């Protein structure tokens, strides 16, 4: 399920007024299995060499395509894929 995050204005740490529009946010993280289903349906990009050797630029292990990680949260995706 999704939760509606209401838009509005707030004062940032530097004292400026900021505004955001309303948006929807998932109640839970997307699992690797859910992401793989999205790839299979043609709606998401399969992970590629953007994250070499199963790790991102910070050396964090990526879950996609690894045995036993289907129920784990999907990680190592681009902003666009998220």
PDB file of N, CA and C in Angstrom:
ATOM      1  N   UNK A   1       0.794  -1.178   0.000  1.00  0.00           N
ATOM      2  CA  UNK A   1       0.000   0.000   0.000  1.00  0.00           C
ATOM      3  C   UNK A   1       0.851   1.263   0.000  1.00  0.00           C
ATOM      4  N   UNK A   2       0.184   2.318  -0.293  1.00  0.00           N
ATOM      5  CA  UNK A   2       0.839   3.618  -0.386  1.00  0.00           C
ATOM      6  C   UNK A   2       0.226   4.571   0.641  1.00  0.00           C
ATOM      7  N   UNK A   3       1.016   5.550   1.025  1.00  0.00           N
ATOM      8  CA  UNK A   3       0.582   6.582   1.962  1.00  0.00           C
ATOM      9  C   UNK A   3       0.761   7.935   1.279  1.00  0.00           C
ATOM     10  N   UNK A   4      -0.256   8.781   1.378  1.00  0.00           N
ATOM     11  CA  UNK A   4      -0.168  10.125   0.821  1.00  0.00           C
ATOM     12  C   UNK A   4       0.588  11.023   1.789  1.00  0.00           C
ATOM     13  N   UNK A   5       1.648  11.642   1.310  1.00  0.00           N
ATOM     14  CA  UNK A   5       2.380  12.631   2.083  1.00  0.00           C
ATOM     15  C   UNK A   5       1.870  13.997   1.614  1.00  0.00           C
ATOM     16  N   UNK A   6       1.225  14.697   2.517  1.00  0.00           N
ATOM     17  CA  UNK A   6       0.619  15.981   2.168  1.00  0.00           C
ATOM     18  C   UNK A   6       1.694  17.012   1.820  1.00  0.00           C
ATOM     19  N   UNK A   7       1.406  17.831   0.856  1.00  0.00           N
ATOM     20  CA  UNK A   7       2.289  18.934   0.511  1.00  0.00           C
ATOM     21  C   UNK A   7       2.127  20.063   1.514  1.00  0.00           C
ATOM     22  N   UNK A   8       3.002  21.026   1.425  1.00  0.00           N
ATOM     23  CA  UNK A   8       2.904  22.170   2.322  1.00  0.00           C
ATOM     24  C   UNK A   8       4.203  22.955   2.367  1.00  0.00           C
ATOM     25  N   UNK A   9       4.253  23.887   3.268  1.00  0.00           N
ATOM     26  CA  UNK A   9       5.437  24.742   3.437  1.00  0.00           C
ATOM     27  C   UNK A   9       6.048  24.495   4.803  1.00  0.00           C
ATOM     28  N   UNK A  10       7.347  24.691   4.881  1.00  0.00           N
ATOM     29  CA  UNK A  10       8.066  24.547   6.136  1.00  0.00           C
ATOM     30  C   UNK A  10       9.273  25.477   6.113  1.00  0.00           C
ATOM     31  N   UNK A  11       9.843  25.713   7.266  1.00  0.00           N
ATOM     32  CA  UNK A  11      11.046  26.529   7.363  1.00  0.00           C
ATOM     33  C   UNK A  11      12.246  25.602   7.466  1.00  0.00           C
ATOM     34  N   UNK A  12      13.192  25.782   6.567  1.00  0.00           N
ATOM     35  CA  UNK A  12      14.386  24.937   6.555  1.00  0.00           C
ATOM     36  C   UNK A  12      15.362  25.366   7.647  1.00  0.00           C
ATOM     37  N   UNK A  13      16.403  24.569   7.847  1.00  0.00           N
ATOM     38  CA  UNK A  13      17.404  24.851   8.885  1.00  0.00           C
ATOM     39  C   UNK A  13      18.082  26.198   8.669  1.00  0.00           C
ATOM     40  N   UNK A  14      18.144  26.649   7.400  1.00  0.00           N
ATOM     41  CA  UNK A  14      18.792  27.940   7.134  1.00  0.00           C
ATOM     42  C   UNK A  14      17.806  29.104   7.194  1.00  0.00           C
ATOM     43  N   UNK A  15      16.578  28.828   7.683  1.00  0.00           N
ATOM     44  CA  UNK A  15      15.596  29.897   7.880  1.00  0.00           C
ATOM     45  C   UNK A  15      14.760  30.245   6.676  1.00  0.00           C
ATOM     46  N   UNK A  16      14.940  29.564   5.552  1.00  0.00           N
ATOM     47  CA  UNK A  16      14.160  29.862   4.348  1.00  0.00           C
ATOM     48  C   UNK A  16      12.882  29.036   4.330  1.00  0.00           C
ATOM     49  N   UNK A  17      11.833  29.606   3.767  1.00  0.00           N
ATOM     50  CA  UNK A  17      10.576  28.885   3.606  1.00  0.00           C
ATOM     51  C   UNK A  17      10.662  28.022   2.361  1.00  0.00           C
ATOM     52  N   UNK A  18      10.343  26.748   2.528  1.00  0.00           N
ATOM     53  CA  UNK A  18      10.370  25.781   1.416  1.00  0.00           C
ATOM     54  C   UNK A  18       8.987  25.178   1.270  1.00  0.00           C
ATOM     55  N   UNK A  19       8.673  24.752   0.056  1.00  0.00           N
ATOM     56  CA  UNK A  19       7.389  24.106  -0.205  1.00  0.00           C
ATOM     57  C   UNK A  19       7.607  22.805  -0.940  1.00  0.00           C
ATOM     58  N   UNK A  20       6.749  21.839  -0.652  1.00  0.00           N
ATOM     59  CA  UNK A  20       6.755  20.583  -1.386  1.00  0.00           C
ATOM     60  C   UNK A  20       5.335  20.280  -1.845  1.00  0.00           C
ATOM     61  N   UNK A  21       5.225  19.563  -2.944  1.00  0.00           N
ATOM     62  CA  UNK A  21       3.929  19.119  -3.426  1.00  0.00           C
ATOM     63  C   UNK A  21       3.614  17.777  -2.779  1.00  0.00           C
ATOM     64  N   UNK A  22       2.363  17.409  -2.732  1.00  0.00           N
ATOM     65  CA  UNK A  22       1.963  16.119  -2.180  1.00  0.00           C
ATOM     66  C   UNK A  22       2.546  14.998  -3.045  1.00  0.00           C
ATOM     67  N   UNK A  23       2.854  13.872  -2.416  1.00  0.00           N
ATOM     68  CA  UNK A  23       3.351  12.708  -3.154  1.00  0.00           C
ATOM     69  C   UNK A  23       2.991  11.434  -2.397  1.00  0.00           C
ATOM     70  N   UNK A  24       3.073  10.320  -3.098  1.00  0.00           N
ATOM     71  CA  UNK A  24       2.772   9.016  -2.519  1.00  0.00           C
ATOM     72  C   UNK A  24       4.065   8.298  -2.186  1.00  0.00           C
ATOM     73  N   UNK A  25       4.064   7.615  -1.049  1.00  0.00           N
ATOM     74  CA  UNK A  25       5.235   6.875  -0.585  1.00  0.00           C
ATOM     75  C   UNK A  25       4.790   5.475  -0.171  1.00  0.00           C
ATOM     76  N   UNK A  26       5.551   4.471  -0.574  1.00  0.00           N
ATOM     77  CA  UNK A  26       5.219   3.102  -0.199  1.00  0.00           C
ATOM     78  C   UNK A  26       5.358   2.892   1.301  1.00  0.00           C
ATOM     79  N   UNK A  27       4.445   2.104   1.881  1.00  0.00           N
ATOM     80  CA  UNK A  27       4.504   1.807   3.314  1.00  0.00           C
ATOM     81  C   UNK A  27       5.704   0.930   3.646  1.00  0.00           C
ATOM     82  N   UNK A  28       6.098   0.101   2.717  1.00  0.00           N
ATOM     83  CA  UNK A  28       7.237  -0.791   2.943  1.00  0.00           C
ATOM     84  C   UNK A  28       8.220  -0.656   1.790  1.00  0.00           C
ATOM     85  N   UNK A  29       9.423  -1.119   2.022  1.00  0.00           N
ATOM     86  CA  UNK A  29      10.431  -1.096   0.974  1.00  0.00           C
ATOM     87  C   UNK A  29      10.087  -2.111  -0.109  1.00  0.00           C
ATOM     88  N   UNK A  30      10.514  -1.853  -1.325  1.00  0.00           N
ATOM     89  CA  UNK A  30      10.330  -2.785  -2.434  1.00  0.00           C
ATOM     90  C   UNK A  30      11.350  -3.901  -2.278  1.00  0.00           C
ATOM     91  N   UNK A  31      10.889  -5.150  -2.359  1.00  0.00           N
ATOM     92  CA  UNK A  31      11.807  -6.277  -2.248  1.00  0.00           C
ATOM     93  C   UNK A  31      12.461  -6.564  -3.601  1.00  0.00           C
ATOM     94  N   UNK A  32      13.516  -7.350  -3.563  1.00  0.00           N
ATOM     95  CA  UNK A  32      14.183  -7.762  -4.798  1.00  0.00           C
ATOM     96  C   UNK A  32      13.195  -8.521  -5.677  1.00  0.00           C
ATOM     97  N   UNK A  33      12.370  -9.408  -5.093  1.00  0.00           N
ATOM     98  CA  UNK A  33      11.368 -10.150  -5.869  1.00  0.00           C
ATOM     99  C   UNK A  33      10.397  -9.214  -6.566  1.00  0.00           C
ATOM    100  N   UNK A  34       9.934  -8.192  -5.867  1.00  0.00           N
ATOM    101  CA  UNK A  34       9.003  -7.231  -6.467  1.00  0.00           C
ATOM    102  C   UNK A  34       9.676  -6.467  -7.603  1.00  0.00           C
ATOM    103  N   UNK A  35      10.916  -6.090  -7.411  1.00  0.00           N
ATOM    104  CA  UNK A  35      11.638  -5.372  -8.462  1.00  0.00           C
ATOM    105  C   UNK A  35      11.857  -6.274  -9.665  1.00  0.00           C
ATOM    106  N   UNK A  36      12.205  -7.538  -9.432  1.00  0.00           N
ATOM    107  CA  UNK A  36      12.396  -8.477 -10.538  1.00  0.00           C
ATOM    108  C   UNK A  36      11.108  -8.654 -11.338  1.00  0.00           C
ATOM    109  N   UNK A  37       9.962  -8.674 -10.659  1.00  0.00           N
ATOM    110  CA  UNK A  37       8.677  -8.764 -11.354  1.00  0.00           C
ATOM    111  C   UNK A  37       8.452  -7.526 -12.219  1.00  0.00           C
ATOM    112  N   UNK A  38       8.855  -6.374 -11.727  1.00  0.00           N
ATOM    113  CA  UNK A  38       8.739  -5.125 -12.485  1.00  0.00           C
ATOM    114  C   UNK A  38       9.629  -5.180 -13.730  1.00  0.00           C
ATOM    115  N   UNK A  39      10.843  -5.714 -13.586  1.00  0.00           N
ATOM    116  CA  UNK A  39      11.753  -5.869 -14.732  1.00  0.00           C
ATOM    117  C   UNK A  39      11.128  -6.811 -15.754  1.00  0.00           C
ATOM    118  N   UNK A  40      10.606  -7.941 -15.279  1.00  0.00           N
ATOM    119  CA  UNK A  40       9.992  -8.940 -16.174  1.00  0.00           C
ATOM    120  C   UNK A  40       8.804  -8.352 -16.933  1.00  0.00           C
ATOM    121  N   UNK A  41       8.056  -7.456 -16.289  1.00  0.00           N
ATOM    122  CA  UNK A  41       6.905  -6.806 -16.924  1.00  0.00           C
ATOM    123  C   UNK A  41       7.331  -5.710 -17.894  1.00  0.00           C
ATOM    124  N   UNK A  42       8.633  -5.368 -17.891  1.00  0.00           N
ATOM    125  CA  UNK A  42       9.129  -4.342 -18.797  1.00  0.00           C
ATOM    126  C   UNK A  42       8.981  -2.920 -18.277  1.00  0.00           C
ATOM    127  N   UNK A  43       8.677  -2.776 -16.991  1.00  0.00           N
ATOM    128  CA  UNK A  43       8.464  -1.450 -16.418  1.00  0.00           C
ATOM    129  C   UNK A  43       9.655  -0.907 -15.640  1.00  0.00           C
ATOM    130  N   UNK A  44      10.640  -1.756 -15.363  1.00  0.00           N
ATOM    131  CA  UNK A  44      11.835  -1.340 -14.621  1.00  0.00           C
ATOM    132  C   UNK A  44      13.074  -1.827 -15.362  1.00  0.00           C
ATOM    133  N   UNK A  45      14.168  -1.139 -15.154  1.00  0.00           N
ATOM    134  CA  UNK A  45      15.424  -1.508 -15.807  1.00  0.00           C
ATOM    135  C   UNK A  45      16.147  -2.572 -14.988  1.00  0.00           C
ATOM    136  N   UNK A  46      16.653  -3.594 -15.667  1.00  0.00           N
ATOM    137  CA  UNK A  46      17.481  -4.587 -14.992  1.00  0.00           C
ATOM    138  C   UNK A  46      18.775  -3.916 -14.555  1.00  0.00           C
ATOM    139  N   UNK A  47      19.337  -4.363 -13.475  1.00  0.00           N
ATOM    140  CA  UNK A  47      20.587  -3.782 -12.994  1.00  0.00           C
ATOM    141  C   UNK A  47      21.699  -4.129 -13.970  1.00  0.00           C
ATOM    142  N   UNK A  48      22.582  -3.177 -14.223  1.00  0.00           N
ATOM    143  CA  UNK A  48      23.643  -3.336 -15.208  1.00  0.00           C
ATOM    144  C   UNK A  48      24.988  -2.991 -14.603  1.00  0.00           C
ATOM    145  N   UNK A  49      25.948  -2.668 -15.457  1.00  0.00           N
ATOM    146  CA  UNK A  49      27.305  -2.365 -15.011  1.00  0.00           C
ATOM    147  C   UNK A  49      27.403  -1.060 -14.235  1.00  0.00           C
ATOM    148  N   UNK A  50      26.279  -0.341 -14.079  1.00  0.00           N
ATOM    149  CA  UNK A  50      26.286   0.876 -13.272  1.00  0.00           C
ATOM    150  C   UNK A  50      26.848   0.569 -11.878  1.00  0.00           C
ATOM    151  N   UNK A  51      26.558  -0.637 -11.395  1.00  0.00           N
ATOM    152  CA  UNK A  51      27.061  -1.106 -10.117  1.00  0.00           C
ATOM    153  C   UNK A  51      27.907  -2.338 -10.399  1.00  0.00           C
ATOM    154  N   UNK A  52      29.188  -2.179 -10.511  1.00  0.00           N
ATOM    155  CA  UNK A  52      30.089  -3.244 -10.943  1.00  0.00           C
ATOM    156  C   UNK A  52      30.334  -4.268  -9.845  1.00  0.00           C
ATOM    157  N   UNK A  53      30.394  -5.519 -10.260  1.00  0.00           N
ATOM    158  CA  UNK A  53      30.700  -6.627  -9.348  1.00  0.00           C
ATOM    159  C   UNK A  53      29.761  -6.708  -8.147  1.00  0.00           C
ATOM    160  N   UNK A  54      28.505  -6.316  -8.340  1.00  0.00           N
ATOM    161  CA  UNK A  54      27.525  -6.417  -7.264  1.00  0.00           C
ATOM    162  C   UNK A  54      27.707  -5.414  -6.150  1.00  0.00           C
ATOM    163  N   UNK A  55      28.464  -4.355  -6.389  1.00  0.00           N
ATOM    164  CA  UNK A  55      28.661  -3.344  -5.346  1.00  0.00           C
ATOM    165  C   UNK A  55      28.552  -1.956  -5.954  1.00  0.00           C
ATOM    166  N   UNK A  56      28.086  -1.005  -5.153  1.00  0.00           N
ATOM    167  CA  UNK A  56      28.007   0.371  -5.634  1.00  0.00           C
ATOM    168  C   UNK A  56      29.342   1.069  -5.404  1.00  0.00           C
ATOM    169  N   UNK A  57      29.386   2.347  -5.659  1.00  0.00           N
ATOM    170  CA  UNK A  57      30.627   3.110  -5.555  1.00  0.00           C
ATOM    171  C   UNK A  57      31.194   3.120  -4.135  1.00  0.00           C
ATOM    172  N   UNK A  58      30.351   2.845  -3.152  1.00  0.00           N
ATOM    173  CA  UNK A  58      30.797   2.856  -1.765  1.00  0.00           C
ATOM    174  C   UNK A  58      31.152   1.455  -1.271  1.00  0.00           C
ATOM    175  N   UNK A  59      31.089   0.445  -2.175  1.00  0.00           N
ATOM    176  CA  UNK A  59      31.432  -0.916  -1.793  1.00  0.00           C
ATOM    177  C   UNK A  59      30.311  -1.672  -1.103  1.00  0.00           C
ATOM    178  N   UNK A  60      29.107  -1.100  -1.091  1.00  0.00           N
ATOM    179  CA  UNK A  60      27.969  -1.767  -0.468  1.00  0.00           C
ATOM    180  C   UNK A  60      27.491  -2.903  -1.361  1.00  0.00           C
ATOM    181  N   UNK A  61      27.220  -4.042  -0.774  1.00  0.00           N
ATOM    182  CA  UNK A  61      26.731  -5.169  -1.565  1.00  0.00           C
ATOM    183  C   UNK A  61      25.322  -4.908  -2.059  1.00  0.00           C
ATOM    184  N   UNK A  62      25.104  -5.191  -3.320  1.00  0.00           N
ATOM    185  CA  UNK A  62      23.783  -5.043  -3.933  1.00  0.00           C
ATOM    186  C   UNK A  62      23.051  -6.374  -3.842  1.00  0.00           C
ATOM    187  N   UNK A  63      21.735  -6.335  -3.661  1.00  0.00           N
ATOM    188  CA  UNK A  63      20.932  -7.542  -3.485  1.00  0.00           C
ATOM    189  C   UNK A  63      20.454  -8.160  -4.788  1.00  0.00           C
ATOM    190  N   UNK A  64      20.319  -7.359  -5.837  1.00  0.00           N
ATOM    191  CA  UNK A  64      19.711  -7.835  -7.079  1.00  0.00           C
ATOM    192  C   UNK A  64      20.505  -8.975  -7.706  1.00  0.00           C
ATOM    193  N   UNK A  65      19.795 -10.041  -8.081  1.00  0.00           N
ATOM    194  CA  UNK A  65      20.418 -11.151  -8.789  1.00  0.00           C
ATOM    195  C   UNK A  65      21.200 -12.104  -7.899  1.00  0.00           C
ATOM    196  N   UNK A  66      21.101 -11.965  -6.604  1.00  0.00           N
ATOM    197  CA  UNK A  66      21.824 -12.850  -5.693  1.00  0.00           C
ATOM    198  C   UNK A  66      20.868 -13.841  -5.048  1.00  0.00           C
ATOM    199  N   UNK A  67      21.296 -15.071  -4.981  1.00  0.00           N
ATOM    200  CA  UNK A  67      20.500 -16.140  -4.385  1.00  0.00           C
ATOM    201  C   UNK A  67      20.190 -15.817  -2.925  1.00  0.00           C
ATOM    202  N   UNK A  68      18.954 -16.083  -2.528  1.00  0.00           N
ATOM    203  CA  UNK A  68      18.549 -15.891  -1.143  1.00  0.00           C
ATOM    204  C   UNK A  68      18.239 -14.464  -0.763  1.00  0.00           C
ATOM    205  N   UNK A  69      18.239 -13.535  -1.710  1.00  0.00           N
ATOM    206  CA  UNK A  69      18.004 -12.120  -1.401  1.00  0.00           C
ATOM    207  C   UNK A  69      16.624 -11.630  -1.851  1.00  0.00           C
ATOM    208  N   UNK A  70      15.756 -12.540  -2.309  1.00  0.00           N
ATOM    209  CA  UNK A  70      14.461 -12.137  -2.849  1.00  0.00           C
ATOM    210  C   UNK A  70      13.583 -11.344  -1.916  1.00  0.00           C
ATOM    211  N   UNK A  71      13.626 -11.653  -0.634  1.00  0.00           N
ATOM    212  CA  UNK A  71      12.790 -10.946   0.351  1.00  0.00           C
ATOM    213  C   UNK A  71      13.500  -9.725   0.930  1.00  0.00           C
ATOM    214  N   UNK A  72      14.748  -9.504   0.540  1.00  0.00           N
ATOM    215  CA  UNK A  72      15.508  -8.346   1.021  1.00  0.00           C
ATOM    216  C   UNK A  72      15.070  -7.084   0.283  1.00  0.00           C
ATOM    217  N   UNK A  73      15.294  -5.921   0.866  1.00  0.00           N
ATOM    218  CA  UNK A  73      14.958  -4.678   0.172  1.00  0.00           C
ATOM    219  C   UNK A  73      15.812  -4.513  -1.082  1.00  0.00           C
ATOM    220  N   UNK A  74      15.216  -3.963  -2.108  1.00  0.00           N
ATOM    221  CA  UNK A  74      15.960  -3.656  -3.327  1.00  0.00           C
ATOM    222  C   UNK A  74      16.877  -2.487  -3.028  1.00  0.00           C
ATOM    223  N   UNK A  75      18.125  -2.602  -3.452  1.00  0.00           N
ATOM    224  CA  UNK A  75      19.080  -1.514  -3.275  1.00  0.00           C
ATOM    225  C   UNK A  75      19.863  -1.344  -4.576  1.00  0.00           C
ATOM    226  N   UNK A  76      20.744  -0.388  -4.592  1.00  0.00           N
ATOM    227  CA  UNK A  76      21.609  -0.149  -5.756  1.00  0.00           C
ATOM    228  C   UNK A  76      20.806   0.174  -7.021  1.00  0.00           C
ATOM    229  N   UNK A  77      19.785   1.004  -6.884  1.00  0.00           N
ATOM    230  CA  UNK A  77      19.036   1.461  -8.045  1.00  0.00           C
ATOM    231  C   UNK A  77      19.256   2.959  -8.211  1.00  0.00           C
ATOM    232  N   UNK A  78      19.101   3.413  -9.427  1.00  0.00           N
ATOM    233  CA  UNK A  78      19.244   4.838  -9.699  1.00  0.00           C
ATOM    234  C   UNK A  78      18.025   5.595  -9.167  1.00  0.00           C
ATOM    235  N   UNK A  79      18.156   6.884  -9.108  1.00  0.00           N
ATOM    236  CA  UNK A  79      17.036   7.737  -8.705  1.00  0.00           C
ATOM    237  C   UNK A  79      15.840   7.490  -9.619  1.00  0.00           C
ATOM    238  N   UNK A  80      16.077   7.386 -10.916  1.00  0.00           N
ATOM    239  CA  UNK A  80      14.997   7.184 -11.885  1.00  0.00           C
ATOM    240  C   UNK A  80      14.306   5.835 -11.660  1.00  0.00           C
ATOM    241  N   UNK A  81      15.076   4.801 -11.382  1.00  0.00           N
ATOM    242  CA  UNK A  81      14.478   3.483 -11.160  1.00  0.00           C
ATOM    243  C   UNK A  81      13.726   3.404  -9.844  1.00  0.00           C
ATOM    244  N   UNK A  82      14.175   4.161  -8.855  1.00  0.00           N
ATOM    245  CA  UNK A  82      13.469   4.153  -7.566  1.00  0.00           C
ATOM    246  C   UNK A  82      12.077   4.732  -7.764  1.00  0.00           C
TER     247      UNK A  82
END
